[in-house]
C-alpha cells in the first residue's frame, strides 16, 4: 500500500494531487458523480482533490481496491456538511 502513495506520503491525506488521482481512480459511476457534484457545487481544484482523498480513505476502510460511487457519495456528503457548519458559525 505504501508503495502506491509515493515518496514522502504515508497517508492519503498527505498525497499530492497527481498521486491521489493515480491511486484513487474512481469507477465510471463514481467519476460521473464527482464531476457532476464539482460542477453543481462549485468545487475548487483543492476541494475536488480533498473529496477524492476522503473517498480513497473510505474505500480503504471498506477494503475496496477501487473507489466506487458509494465512497464518493459519502465523501461529498461530508464536504457539504462541513460547508453548512462553516456557514452556520
Foldseek 3Di string as FASTA:
>chain_A
DCVLQDPPDDALVPGDQVSLCVQAVADPLLVVVLVVCCVVVVDDPVRSSQLSSQQSVVCVVVVHSYRYNVSSVVSVVVVVVVVVVVVVD
